[in-house]
Amino acid sequence: MRKAAVHLHGQLAGHLTQDEQGYTFAYAPAYLLSSTAEAVSLTLPLRAAPYVERTMLPFFDGLIPEGWLLEVAERNWKLRERDRMGLLLACCRDCIGAVSIYPVATADV
């Protein structure tokens, strides 16, 4: 399992996880209670229930670089284009816009 902290405007908004079943994004409970909470994307409105998909959620997939920049990332981090979570974790700490993605260490169970 791999996990990422999703920050919006520098504040923890939620977590994206990848496991054998696919991908799950859930807003952090404290973030949902915040008076300044806003959705990370129009396609991911604020809600307590997690978003679950078999493939990478389109909003997060859209943060991954394309073209020559993707080739640079694949070569430098030895990642494959199909490893969407790996690319997201390696390339999206300082995205254009308000969202940042940070790896979270997880203990294998």
Foldseek 3Di string as FASTA:
>chain_A
DWKKFKFFQNHGQWMWDQDPQAIKTAGDPVLLVDPPRAAPDPVGGDDGDIDDDRYPDVVLLVQQDDDPVNVVLCVVVVDDPRPSVVRSQRPFQPTPHGIGIHTDDDDDD
